[in-house]
Protein backbone atom coordinates (compact mmCIF):
# COMPACT_ATOMS: atom_id res chain seq x y z
CA MET A 1 27.81 85.18 92.32
CA LYS A 2 30.94 86.31 90.52
CA GLN A 3 31.26 85.39 86.86
CA ARG A 4 34.11 85.82 84.40
CA LEU A 5 35.00 84.92 80.83
CA LEU A 6 38.26 83.20 79.98
CA VAL A 7 39.05 83.43 76.26
CA MET A 8 41.93 81.31 74.94
CA ASN A 9 42.67 78.85 72.13
CA GLY A 10 39.57 79.91 70.20
CA GLN A 11 37.27 79.00 73.12
CA LYS A 12 35.23 81.15 75.52
CA LEU A 13 34.87 79.61 78.99
CA VAL A 14 32.16 81.00 81.27
CA GLN A 15 33.28 80.53 84.87
CA ASP A 16 31.58 81.02 88.26
CA GLU A 17 33.46 81.56 91.52
CA LYS A 18 32.45 78.76 93.93
CA ALA A 19 34.87 79.76 96.72
CA PRO A 20 37.34 82.64 96.97
CA GLY A 21 39.87 82.04 94.19
CA LYS A 22 38.22 78.78 93.06
CA TRP A 23 36.64 79.10 89.61
CA GLU A 24 34.47 76.43 88.02
CA THR A 25 33.76 76.30 84.28
CA VAL A 26 30.00 76.18 83.64
CA ASN A 27 29.91 76.65 79.85
CA VAL A 28 32.29 76.44 76.88
CA GLU A 29 31.57 78.15 73.55
CA LYS A 30 33.49 79.21 70.46
CA ALA A 31 35.22 82.54 71.05
CA GLY A 32 34.53 83.90 67.57
CA ALA A 33 36.08 87.36 67.19
CA LEU A 34 36.84 87.87 70.91
CA LYS A 35 40.48 88.53 71.76
CA PRO A 36 42.20 86.16 74.24
CA ALA A 37 41.93 87.59 77.77
CA ILE A 38 40.23 87.21 81.13
CA TYR A 39 37.11 89.38 81.27
CA ASN A 40 35.83 89.94 84.84
CA ILE A 41 32.22 90.65 83.91
CA TYR A 42 31.18 90.57 87.58
CA LEU A 43 32.65 94.11 87.73
CA SER A 44 30.11 95.37 85.18
CA GLN A 45 27.92 98.39 85.90
CA GLN A 46 24.28 98.64 84.84
CA ALA A 47 23.94 100.62 81.60
CA ASP A 48 23.07 104.31 81.86
CA LYS A 49 20.11 104.73 79.51
CA THR A 50 20.89 108.42 78.95
CA ALA A 51 24.39 107.76 77.56
CA ALA A 52 25.81 105.99 74.52
CA HIS A 53 27.97 102.92 75.20
CA SER A 54 30.58 101.96 72.60
CA GLY A 55 32.67 98.82 72.68
CA VAL A 56 32.91 95.10 72.02
CA ILE A 57 30.01 92.78 72.87
CA LEU A 58 31.50 90.09 75.13
CA HIS A 59 28.72 87.78 76.29
CA ALA A 60 24.97 87.30 76.41
CA ASP A 61 23.02 85.16 78.87
CA LYS A 62 19.31 84.81 79.67
CA GLU A 63 19.08 88.14 81.51
CA SER A 64 21.95 90.34 80.34
CA ILE A 65 24.25 91.40 77.53
CA TYR A 66 27.79 92.36 78.55
CA GLN A 67 29.86 94.95 76.70
CA GLN A 68 33.41 96.16 77.23
CA SER A 69 33.52 99.95 77.01
CA GLY A 70 37.12 101.12 77.32
CA ARG A 71 38.52 99.33 80.36
CA ASP A 72 35.10 99.03 82.03
CA PHE A 73 32.25 96.57 81.56
CA VAL A 74 28.62 97.54 80.98
CA GLN A 75 25.64 95.27 81.60
CA HIS A 76 22.51 95.76 79.45
CA LYS A 77 19.15 94.08 80.10
CA ARG A 78 18.49 91.52 77.38
CA SER A 79 14.78 92.38 77.42
CA ASP A 80 15.63 95.87 76.04
CA PHE A 81 16.89 94.34 72.76
CA ASP A 82 14.93 93.13 69.74
CA LYS A 83 17.92 91.08 68.58
CA VAL A 84 21.11 90.22 70.47
CA PRO A 85 24.19 91.88 68.89
CA GLU A 86 26.88 89.57 67.50
CA ILE A 87 29.40 88.49 70.14
CA GLY A 88 32.86 89.95 69.42
CA SER A 89 31.55 92.84 67.32
CA ALA A 90 32.14 96.51 68.13
CA LYS A 91 28.80 98.27 68.63
CA THR A 92 27.40 101.53 69.97
CA ILE A 93 24.30 101.03 72.10
CA THR A 94 21.92 103.89 72.83
CA TYR A 95 18.43 103.87 74.29
CA SER A 96 15.28 105.40 72.81
CA ALA A 97 13.89 108.23 74.96
CA GLU A 98 10.28 107.27 74.19
CA SER A 99 10.31 103.48 74.51
CA GLY A 100 13.51 102.82 76.48
CA ARG A 101 14.46 100.13 73.93
CA ALA A 102 18.09 99.59 72.97
CA GLN A 103 19.29 100.72 69.55
CA VAL A 104 22.44 99.06 68.20
CA ASP A 105 24.72 100.77 65.67
CA THR A 106 28.18 100.05 64.32
CA PRO A 107 30.49 102.84 65.54
CA ALA A 108 31.89 105.19 62.93
CA GLN A 109 35.56 104.84 62.16
CA THR A 110 37.33 107.81 63.71
CA GLN A 111 40.93 107.25 62.67
CA SER A 112 42.56 105.75 59.62
CA ARG A 113 46.09 104.68 58.89
CA GLY A 114 45.62 104.90 55.14
CA VAL A 115 47.88 106.73 52.76
CA LYS A 116 47.06 110.42 52.34
CA ARG A 117 46.85 111.61 48.73
């Protein structure tokens, strides 16, 4: 089943594709800090537990947590998390080598547009 997020007017619509090109809204939530867009989370790849994944947390359901990393989408197993990260927040997710559990960190700021003194 294909699933996408449609974010507009401060709302996040979770939609399932019932027939080719026919989308049905199954859930409506507040968008929070998510930017307006169509997020095709059905294109997500399973998270590589040996790599770090940085990006915005888009959605969480009973089985998975979806994250946008660059232009791609990453799907993490919800059971690997102690606490679900805040939707709309930028996070870096890594996995512990010993336990395989997810570790969530706020990414470090790499560039600044401040005034140099």
